[in-house]
C-alpha atoms as a PDB file:
ATOM      1  CA  MET A   1     147.636 149.562  72.178  1.00  0.00           C
ATOM      2  CA  GLU A   2     144.525 151.634  70.884  1.00  0.00           C
ATOM      3  CA  ARG A   3     145.805 155.303  71.050  1.00  0.00           C
ATOM      4  CA  LEU A   4     142.642 157.041  72.587  1.00  0.00           C
ATOM      5  CA  ARG A   5     141.150 160.241  71.693  1.00  0.00           C
ATOM      6  CA  ILE A   6     142.462 162.630  74.810  1.00  0.00           C
ATOM      7  CA  ALA A   7     142.591 166.178  75.471  1.00  0.00           C
ATOM      8  CA  THR A   8     143.616 168.575  78.643  1.00  0.00           C
ATOM      9  CA  VAL A   9     142.450 171.932  79.214  1.00  0.00           C
ATOM     10  CA  GLY A  10     143.349 174.824  81.475  1.00  0.00           C
ATOM     11  CA  ASP A  11     146.371 175.989  82.990  1.00  0.00           C
ATOM     12  CA  ASN A  12     149.982 176.055  81.854  1.00  0.00           C
ATOM     13  CA  CYS A  13     153.053 177.975  83.774  1.00  0.00           C
ATOM     14  CA  ILE A  14     156.668 178.203  83.949  1.00  0.00           C
ATOM     15  CA  ASP A  15     157.545 176.738  87.604  1.00  0.00           C
ATOM     16  CA  ARG A  16     160.249 179.249  89.273  1.00  0.00           C
ATOM     17  CA  TYR A  17     162.563 177.541  91.621  1.00  0.00           C
ATOM     18  CA  LEU A  18     163.907 180.305  93.939  1.00  0.00           C
ATOM     19  CA  ALA A  19     167.145 179.777  95.376  1.00  0.00           C
ATOM     20  CA  PRO A  20     168.989 177.625  96.341  1.00  0.00           C
ATOM     21  CA  VAL A  21     167.578 175.630  93.028  1.00  0.00           C
ATOM     22  CA  GLY A  22     167.611 178.490  91.159  1.00  0.00           C
ATOM     23  CA  LEU A  23     166.336 176.977  88.047  1.00  0.00           C
ATOM     24  CA  SER A  24     163.193 176.793  85.685  1.00  0.00           C
ATOM     25  CA  THR A  25     160.676 174.286  84.369  1.00  0.00           C
ATOM     26  CA  VAL A  26     157.541 173.939  82.009  1.00  0.00           C
ATOM     27  CA  GLY A  27     154.423 173.021  84.137  1.00  0.00           C
ATOM     28  CA  GLY A  28     150.731 173.289  85.228  1.00  0.00           C
ATOM     29  CA  ASN A  29     148.265 170.508  86.008  1.00  0.00           C
ATOM     30  CA  ALA A  30     146.718 170.369  82.454  1.00  0.00           C
ATOM     31  CA  VAL A  31     149.996 170.382  80.907  1.00  0.00           C
ATOM     32  CA  ASN A  32     151.687 168.199  83.219  1.00  0.00           C
ATOM     33  CA  VAL A  33     148.660 165.348  82.769  1.00  0.00           C
ATOM     34  CA  ALA A  34     149.139 165.938  79.057  1.00  0.00           C
ATOM     35  CA  VAL A  35     152.748 165.352  78.659  1.00  0.00           C
ATOM     36  CA  GLN A  36     152.557 162.336  80.875  1.00  0.00           C
ATOM     37  CA  LEU A  37     149.762 160.655  79.041  1.00  0.00           C
ATOM     38  CA  THR A  38     151.628 161.070  76.062  1.00  0.00           C
ATOM     39  CA  ARG A  39     154.487 159.402  77.531  1.00  0.00           C
ATOM     40  CA  LEU A  40     152.262 156.725  78.580  1.00  0.00           C
ATOM     41  CA  GLY A  41     151.720 156.084  74.820  1.00  0.00           C
ATOM     42  CA  GLN A  42     148.541 158.251  74.405  1.00  0.00           C
ATOM     43  CA  ASP A  43     147.530 160.727  71.560  1.00  0.00           C
ATOM     44  CA  VAL A  44     146.905 163.888  73.213  1.00  0.00           C
ATOM     45  CA  ALA A  45     145.920 167.289  72.560  1.00  0.00           C
ATOM     46  CA  TYR A  46     146.588 170.100  74.997  1.00  0.00           C
ATOM     47  CA  PHE A  47     144.227 173.314  75.091  1.00  0.00           C
ATOM     48  CA  GLY A  48     145.062 176.460  76.690  1.00  0.00           C
ATOM     49  CA  ALA A  49     146.710 179.900  75.855  1.00  0.00           C
ATOM     50  CA  VAL A  50     150.167 181.292  76.745  1.00  0.00           C
ATOM     51  CA  GLY A  51     151.441 184.779  76.384  1.00  0.00           C
ATOM     52  CA  ASP A  52     153.175 186.732  73.099  1.00  0.00           C
ATOM     53  CA  ASP A  53     156.598 186.504  75.297  1.00  0.00           C
ATOM     54  CA  ALA A  54     159.605 184.388  75.286  1.00  0.00           C
ATOM     55  CA  GLU A  55     158.416 182.599  77.996  1.00  0.00           C
ATOM     56  CA  GLY A  56     155.494 181.394  75.991  1.00  0.00           C
ATOM     57  CA  ARG A  57     157.509 180.625  72.886  1.00  0.00           C
ATOM     58  CA  ARG A  58     159.609 178.404  75.262  1.00  0.00           C
ATOM     59  CA  LEU A  59     156.567 176.801  76.830  1.00  0.00           C
ATOM     60  CA  LEU A  60     155.247 175.558  72.914  1.00  0.00           C
ATOM     61  CA  ALA A  61     158.826 174.291  72.061  1.00  0.00           C
ATOM     62  CA  CYS A  62     158.940 172.303  75.209  1.00  0.00           C
ATOM     63  CA  LEU A  63     155.696 170.904  74.747  1.00  0.00           C
ATOM     64  CA  ARG A  64     156.582 169.714  71.118  1.00  0.00           C
ATOM     65  CA  GLU A  65     159.684 168.263  72.073  1.00  0.00           C
ATOM     66  CA  ASN A  66     157.725 166.189  74.474  1.00  0.00           C
ATOM     67  CA  GLY A  67     155.461 165.012  71.687  1.00  0.00           C
ATOM     68  CA  LEU A  68     152.221 166.831  72.508  1.00  0.00           C
ATOM     69  CA  ARG A  69     150.079 168.200  70.073  1.00  0.00           C
ATOM     70  CA  THR A  70     149.765 171.956  70.408  1.00  0.00           C
ATOM     71  CA  GLU A  71     147.493 172.922  67.588  1.00  0.00           C
ATOM     72  CA  PRO A  72     144.658 174.252  69.823  1.00  0.00           C
ATOM     73  CA  VAL A  73     147.040 176.446  71.994  1.00  0.00           C
ATOM     74  CA  ARG A  74     146.044 180.058  71.351  1.00  0.00           C
ATOM     75  CA  THR A  75     148.951 182.844  71.827  1.00  0.00           C
ATOM     76  CA  ALA A  76     147.325 185.969  73.233  1.00  0.00           C
ATOM     77  CA  ALA A  77     148.619 189.111  74.148  1.00  0.00           C
ATOM     78  CA  GLY A  78     150.168 189.105  77.619  1.00  0.00           C
ATOM     79  CA  ARG A  79     152.225 187.536  79.947  1.00  0.00           C
ATOM     80  CA  THR A  80     152.846 183.587  80.469  1.00  0.00           C
ATOM     81  CA  ALA A  81     151.743 182.546  83.453  1.00  0.00           C
ATOM     82  CA  TYR A  82     154.264 181.977  86.105  1.00  0.00           C
ATOM     83  CA  THR A  83     154.442 180.272  89.496  1.00  0.00           C
ATOM     84  CA  ASP A  84     157.490 180.830  92.312  1.00  0.00           C
ATOM     85  CA  ILE A  85     158.360 177.882  94.176  1.00  0.00           C
ATOM     86  CA  GLY A  86     160.202 177.320  97.613  1.00  0.00           C
ATOM     87  CA  SER A  87     160.720 174.629  99.928  1.00  0.00           C
ATOM     88  CA  ASP A  88     158.976 174.300 103.362  1.00  0.00           C
ATOM     89  CA  PRO A  89     161.267 172.817 106.273  1.00  0.00           C
ATOM     90  CA  SER A  90     160.633 169.181 105.570  1.00  0.00           C
ATOM     91  CA  GLY A  91     161.887 169.847 101.917  1.00  0.00           C
ATOM     92  CA  ASP A  92     158.698 169.504 100.383  1.00  0.00           C
ATOM     93  CA  ARG A  93     158.273 172.258  97.331  1.00  0.00           C
ATOM     94  CA  ILE A  94     155.550 175.067  98.205  1.00  0.00           C
ATOM     95  CA  MET A  95     154.121 177.354  96.105  1.00  0.00           C
ATOM     96  CA  LEU A  96     155.040 180.840  97.073  1.00  0.00           C
ATOM     97  CA  PHE A  97     152.963 183.203  94.334  1.00  0.00           C
ATOM     98  CA  GLU A  98     151.104 182.489  91.379  1.00  0.00           C
ATOM     99  CA  GLU A  99     150.756 184.924  88.176  1.00  0.00           C
ATOM    100  CA  PHE A 100     147.942 183.177  86.059  1.00  0.00           C
ATOM    101  CA  GLY A 101     148.882 185.760  83.170  1.00  0.00           C
ATOM    102  CA  VAL A 102     146.912 184.801  79.999  1.00  0.00           C
ATOM    103  CA  CYS A 103     145.457 181.975  81.563  1.00  0.00           C
ATOM    104  CA  ARG A 104     143.435 183.649  83.832  1.00  0.00           C
ATOM    105  CA  GLY A 105     140.892 184.925  80.984  1.00  0.00           C
ATOM    106  CA  TYR A 106     141.186 181.530  79.020  1.00  0.00           C
ATOM    107  CA  ARG A 107     137.836 179.923  78.031  1.00  0.00           C
ATOM    108  CA  PRO A 108     137.775 177.364  75.218  1.00  0.00           C
ATOM    109  CA  ASP A 109     135.750 178.777  72.022  1.00  0.00           C
ATOM    110  CA  ALA A 110     132.521 177.355  70.349  1.00  0.00           C
ATOM    111  CA  PRO A 111     135.069 175.675  67.348  1.00  0.00           C
ATOM    112  CA  GLU A 112     136.988 174.259  70.298  1.00  0.00           C
ATOM    113  CA  ILE A 113     134.483 172.866  72.182  1.00  0.00           C
ATOM    114  CA  GLU A 114     132.963 171.053  69.318  1.00  0.00           C
ATOM    115  CA  ILE A 115     136.437 169.234  68.869  1.00  0.00           C
ATOM    116  CA  LEU A 116     136.527 168.831  72.500  1.00  0.00           C
ATOM    117  CA  SER A 117     132.817 167.396  72.685  1.00  0.00           C
ATOM    118  CA  ARG A 118     134.442 164.351  69.963  1.00  0.00           C
ATOM    119  CA  MET A 119     136.658 162.857  72.632  1.00  0.00           C
ATOM    120  CA  ARG A 120     136.552 159.953  74.433  1.00  0.00           C
ATOM    121  CA  HIS A 121     137.978 161.932  77.537  1.00  0.00           C
ATOM    122  CA  VAL A 122     139.074 165.390  78.810  1.00  0.00           C
ATOM    123  CA  HIS A 123     140.823 166.229  81.479  1.00  0.00           C
ATOM    124  CA  ILE A 124     140.520 169.669  83.134  1.00  0.00           C
ATOM    125  CA  GLY A 125     143.135 171.400  85.299  1.00  0.00           C
ATOM    126  CA  TRP A 126     142.963 175.341  86.535  1.00  0.00           C
ATOM    127  CA  LEU A 127     140.283 176.471  84.411  1.00  0.00           C
ATOM    128  CA  ALA A 128     137.951 179.384  85.872  1.00  0.00           C
ATOM    129  CA  ASP A 129     134.895 178.747  83.751  1.00  0.00           C
ATOM    130  CA  GLY A 130     132.461 178.339  86.753  1.00  0.00           C
ATOM    131  CA  GLY A 131     132.160 174.649  85.177  1.00  0.00           C
ATOM    132  CA  GLU A 132     130.941 175.375  81.883  1.00  0.00           C
ATOM    133  CA  LEU A 133     132.993 173.145  79.863  1.00  0.00           C
ATOM    134  CA  LYS A 134     132.182 170.247  82.488  1.00  0.00           C
ATOM    135  CA  ARG A 135     128.567 170.538  81.916  1.00  0.00           C
ATOM    136  CA  THR A 136     129.049 170.988  78.450  1.00  0.00           C
ATOM    137  CA  LEU A 137     130.985 167.747  77.809  1.00  0.00           C
ATOM    138  CA  THR A 138     129.397 165.850  80.305  1.00  0.00           C
ATOM    139  CA  ALA A 139     126.084 166.403  78.766  1.00  0.00           C
ATOM    140  CA  ALA A 140     127.861 165.359  75.377  1.00  0.00           C
ATOM    141  CA  GLY A 141     129.014 161.934  76.686  1.00  0.00           C
ATOM    142  CA  VAL A 142     132.693 162.729  76.985  1.00  0.00           C
ATOM    143  CA  GLY A 143     134.226 161.481  79.988  1.00  0.00           C
ATOM    144  CA  VAL A 144     135.773 164.041  81.822  1.00  0.00           C
ATOM    145  CA  SER A 145     138.290 164.282  84.745  1.00  0.00           C
ATOM    146  CA  GLN A 146     139.426 167.057  86.918  1.00  0.00           C
ATOM    147  CA  ASP A 147     141.862 168.021  89.794  1.00  0.00           C
ATOM    148  CA  LEU A 148     139.744 169.527  92.401  1.00  0.00           C
ATOM    149  CA  SER A 149     142.595 170.767  94.318  1.00  0.00           C
ATOM    150  CA  VAL A 150     144.332 172.992  91.851  1.00  0.00           C
ATOM    151  CA  ASN A 151     141.527 175.821  92.221  1.00  0.00           C
ATOM    152  CA  ALA A 152     140.073 177.466  95.136  1.00  0.00           C
ATOM    153  CA  VAL A 153     136.799 178.886  93.866  1.00  0.00           C
ATOM    154  CA  ALA A 154     134.173 176.426  94.573  1.00  0.00           C
ATOM    155  CA  GLU A 155     132.162 177.119  91.473  1.00  0.00           C
ATOM    156  CA  ASN A 156     134.788 175.858  89.399  1.00  0.00           C
ATOM    157  CA  VAL A 157     135.481 172.608  90.741  1.00  0.00           C
ATOM    158  CA  ARG A 158     132.112 170.755  92.021  1.00  0.00           C
ATOM    159  CA  PRO A 159     132.264 167.054  91.445  1.00  0.00           C
ATOM    160  CA  GLU A 160     129.010 166.183  90.084  1.00  0.00           C
ATOM    161  CA  GLY A 161     129.271 164.685  86.753  1.00  0.00           C
ATOM    162  CA  LEU A 162     132.716 163.887  86.836  1.00  0.00           C
ATOM    163  CA  SER A 163     133.847 160.474  85.670  1.00  0.00           C
ATOM    164  CA  ILE A 164     136.849 161.037  87.694  1.00  0.00           C
ATOM    165  CA  ALA A 165     137.185 163.250  90.570  1.00  0.00           C
ATOM    166  CA  PHE A 166     140.496 164.011  91.995  1.00  0.00           C
ATOM    167  CA  ALA A 167     141.730 165.480  95.209  1.00  0.00           C
ATOM    168  CA  SER A 168     144.277 165.738  97.713  1.00  0.00           C
ATOM    169  CA  ALA A 169     144.240 165.056 101.575  1.00  0.00           C
ATOM    170  CA  GLU A 170     147.886 165.519 102.251  1.00  0.00           C
ATOM    171  CA  GLY A 171     149.091 163.769 105.455  1.00  0.00           C
ATOM    172  CA  SER A 172     145.727 162.627 106.499  1.00  0.00           C
ATOM    173  CA  ARG A 173     144.020 159.615 105.788  1.00  0.00           C
ATOM    174  CA  ARG A 174     141.150 160.251 108.128  1.00  0.00           C
ATOM    175  CA  ARG A 175     140.325 163.243 106.108  1.00  0.00           C
ATOM    176  CA  GLY A 176     140.997 161.594 102.955  1.00  0.00           C
ATOM    177  CA  GLU A 177     138.473 158.915 104.015  1.00  0.00           C
ATOM    178  CA  ALA A 178     135.698 161.541 104.324  1.00  0.00           C
ATOM    179  CA  LEU A 179     136.746 163.505 101.497  1.00  0.00           C
ATOM    180  CA  LEU A 180     136.197 160.063  99.157  1.00  0.00           C
ATOM    181  CA  GLU A 181     133.031 159.959 100.521  1.00  0.00           C
ATOM    182  CA  GLN A 182     131.887 163.547  99.837  1.00  0.00           C
ATOM    183  CA  LEU A 183     133.064 163.111  95.870  1.00  0.00           C
ATOM    184  CA  LEU A 184     130.914 160.254  95.577  1.00  0.00           C
ATOM    185  CA  VAL A 185     127.759 161.686  97.103  1.00  0.00           C
ATOM    186  CA  ALA A 186     128.148 164.886  95.641  1.00  0.00           C
ATOM    187  CA  GLY A 187     127.864 163.105  91.892  1.00  0.00           C
ATOM    188  CA  ALA A 188     131.263 161.801  91.155  1.00  0.00           C
ATOM    189  CA  ARG A 189     131.206 158.516  89.431  1.00  0.00           C
ATOM    190  CA  VAL A 190     134.750 157.648  90.550  1.00  0.00           C
ATOM    191  CA  ALA A 191     136.641 159.504  93.472  1.00  0.00           C
ATOM    192  CA  VAL A 192     140.558 159.405  93.933  1.00  0.00           C
ATOM    193  CA  VAL A 193     142.272 161.001  96.956  1.00  0.00           C
ATOM    194  CA  THR A 194     145.723 161.043  97.477  1.00  0.00           C
ATOM    195  CA  CYS A 195     147.220 161.139 100.899  1.00  0.00           C
ATOM    196  CA  GLY A 196     150.846 162.340 100.440  1.00  0.00           C
ATOM    197  CA  ALA A 197     153.249 159.694 102.250  1.00  0.00           C
ATOM    198  CA  ASP A 198     150.023 157.618 103.635  1.00  0.00           C
ATOM    199  CA  GLY A 199     149.291 156.653  99.898  1.00  0.00           C
ATOM    200  CA  SER A 200     146.210 157.013  97.943  1.00  0.00           C
ATOM    201  CA  MET A 201     142.662 155.516  97.639  1.00  0.00           C
ATOM    202  CA  ALA A 202     140.070 155.221  95.049  1.00  0.00           C
ATOM    203  CA  SER A 203     135.849 154.427  94.748  1.00  0.00           C
ATOM    204  CA  ASP A 204     132.908 153.987  92.502  1.00  0.00           C
ATOM    205  CA  GLY A 205     130.435 153.397  95.403  1.00  0.00           C
ATOM    206  CA  THR A 206     130.746 150.058  94.608  1.00  0.00           C
ATOM    207  CA  HIS A 207     134.485 148.659  94.487  1.00  0.00           C
ATOM    208  CA  ARG A 208     137.196 150.485  96.643  1.00  0.00           C
ATOM    209  CA  ALA A 209     140.952 150.557  96.607  1.00  0.00           C
ATOM    210  CA  GLU A 210     143.979 151.433  98.071  1.00  0.00           C
ATOM    211  CA  ALA A 211     147.624 151.761  97.620  1.00  0.00           C
ATOM    212  CA  ASP A 212     150.818 152.693  99.135  1.00  0.00           C
ATOM    213  CA  VAL A 213     153.107 155.114  97.822  1.00  0.00           C
ATOM    214  CA  ALA A 214     156.203 153.672  95.795  1.00  0.00           C
ATOM    215  CA  PRO A 215     160.156 154.157  97.232  1.00  0.00           C
ATOM    216  CA  ALA A 216     161.923 156.752  95.043  1.00  0.00           C
ATOM    217  CA  ALA A 217     165.201 158.818  95.472  1.00  0.00           C
ATOM    218  CA  LEU A 218     163.300 161.923  96.028  1.00  0.00           C
ATOM    219  CA  ILE A 219     164.376 165.092  94.300  1.00  0.00           C
ATOM    220  CA  ASP A 220     161.385 167.172  93.699  1.00  0.00           C
ATOM    221  CA  THR A 221     157.710 166.479  94.446  1.00  0.00           C
ATOM    222  CA  LEU A 222     156.355 168.972  92.343  1.00  0.00           C
ATOM    223  CA  GLY A 223     154.182 167.546  89.314  1.00  0.00           C
ATOM    224  CA  ALA A 224     153.960 164.273  91.235  1.00  0.00           C
ATOM    225  CA  GLY A 225     150.395 164.440  91.611  1.00  0.00           C
ATOM    226  CA  ASP A 226     149.598 165.370  88.055  1.00  0.00           C
ATOM    227  CA  THR A 227     151.590 162.406  86.865  1.00  0.00           C
ATOM    228  CA  PHE A 228     149.648 160.036  89.309  1.00  0.00           C
ATOM    229  CA  ILE A 229     146.753 161.553  87.463  1.00  0.00           C
ATOM    230  CA  ALA A 230     147.407 160.813  84.274  1.00  0.00           C
ATOM    231  CA  GLY A 231     148.839 157.117  85.147  1.00  0.00           C
ATOM    232  CA  PHE A 232     145.455 156.798  86.501  1.00  0.00           C
ATOM    233  CA  ILE A 233     143.718 157.913  83.973  1.00  0.00           C
ATOM    234  CA  ALA A 234     145.794 155.646  81.405  1.00  0.00           C
ATOM    235  CA  ALA A 235     144.585 152.478  83.226  1.00  0.00           C
ATOM    236  CA  HIS A 236     141.088 153.574  83.472  1.00  0.00           C
ATOM    237  CA  LEU A 237     140.320 154.114  80.127  1.00  0.00           C
ATOM    238  CA  GLN A 238     142.151 150.522  79.603  1.00  0.00           C
ATOM    239  CA  GLY A 239     139.558 149.206  81.854  1.00  0.00           C
ATOM    240  CA  ARG A 240     141.792 148.038  84.661  1.00  0.00           C
ATOM    241  CA  SER A 241     140.570 147.563  88.154  1.00  0.00           C
ATOM    242  CA  LEU A 242     140.412 150.539  90.775  1.00  0.00           C
ATOM    243  CA  ALA A 243     143.660 148.848  92.261  1.00  0.00           C
ATOM    244  CA  ALA A 244     145.395 148.558  88.855  1.00  0.00           C
ATOM    245  CA  CYS A 245     144.545 152.062  88.322  1.00  0.00           C
ATOM    246  CA  LEU A 246     146.035 152.957  91.464  1.00  0.00           C
ATOM    247  CA  GLU A 247     149.194 151.554  91.384  1.00  0.00           C
ATOM    248  CA  MET A 248     149.659 152.804  87.701  1.00  0.00           C
ATOM    249  CA  GLY A 249     149.430 156.129  89.021  1.00  0.00           C
ATOM    250  CA  ARG A 250     151.645 155.530  92.080  1.00  0.00           C
ATOM    251  CA  ASP A 251     154.368 153.703  89.959  1.00  0.00           C
ATOM    252  CA  ALA A 252     154.571 156.830  87.551  1.00  0.00           C
ATOM    253  CA  ALA A 253     154.574 159.245  90.138  1.00  0.00           C
ATOM    254  CA  ALA A 254     157.454 158.046  91.767  1.00  0.00           C
ATOM    255  CA  VAL A 255     159.380 158.386  88.591  1.00  0.00           C
ATOM    256  CA  THR A 256     158.564 162.090  88.639  1.00  0.00           C
ATOM    257  CA  CYS A 257     160.190 162.640  92.138  1.00  0.00           C
ATOM    258  CA  THR A 258     163.354 161.654  90.761  1.00  0.00           C
ATOM    259  CA  GLN A 259     163.759 164.667  88.540  1.00  0.00           C
ATOM    260  CA  LEU A 260     163.235 168.307  88.438  1.00  0.00           C
ATOM    261  CA  GLY A 261     159.775 169.466  87.084  1.00  0.00           C
ATOM    262  CA  GLY A 262     156.448 167.529  86.269  1.00  0.00           C
ATOM    263  CA  PHE A 263     158.034 165.511  83.377  1.00  0.00           C
ATOM    264  CA  PRO A 264     161.738 165.236  81.828  1.00  0.00           C
ATOM    265  CA  GLN A 265     162.936 168.537  80.488  1.00  0.00           C
ATOM    266  CA  THR A 266     165.840 170.549  80.451  1.00  0.00           C
ATOM    267  CA  PRO A 267     165.673 173.458  83.307  1.00  0.00           C
ATOM    268  CA  VAL A 268     167.056 176.552  82.538  1.00  0.00           C
ATOM    269  CA  PRO A 269     168.280 179.481  85.197  1.00  0.00           C
ATOM    270  CA  THR A 270     165.310 181.193  86.444  1.00  0.00           C
ATOM    271  CA  ALA A 271     165.130 184.772  85.574  1.00  0.00           C
END
């Protein structure tokens, strides 16, 4: 299988599961997608920033252990990002607090943008740049995807120009239908919406597909959406149908739900 030139850009963090779990894992949308794409056989580089602290060193070591290329990762003075994770009454994970640390000020510089402009596909996670990278890469003919549900600032997550726009309409299929249409009208070439237990849907304006969720021995839902994104991207770049892309994302996400964190790793006690 062809090893495609792919990169992810943006957030990383230490996911700190609060009591009663009391463990922490490496995560973040851009990191989870990158690692899962690597596990699917792709040669992936991650562009982002970690702090010059113990958690930054831990994060880089974990990514290398999972086969990810980390040469473009900057080590910056300051704290590595972290997220405090709790659970709602139904057992689903909820984010209680986010500290973006050195990720907050991260932007790819000119040499990094030059490298990214030669990629076949770039996935953007949480990146507070007003959409500048997306516009630059799109103009250079690079396929760009983004998870529009991980950033609440509208200027950072506009769908126009995206090869694939991912979004979540958790627990509402009707809202998912409307969101799918909105993304296409706003300029996404392919729109993909996940609806939690109600499955997922995708459309390119001509073709439309849906998929149910796959059964799994549920341990943790955190990172499952990122794994879904990686599976969809990998299948899409292989030229598969929308239905096949949804199924590949769904099946990969089901595996992630059987473990703690967004990809296989050894959790450590939460500090």
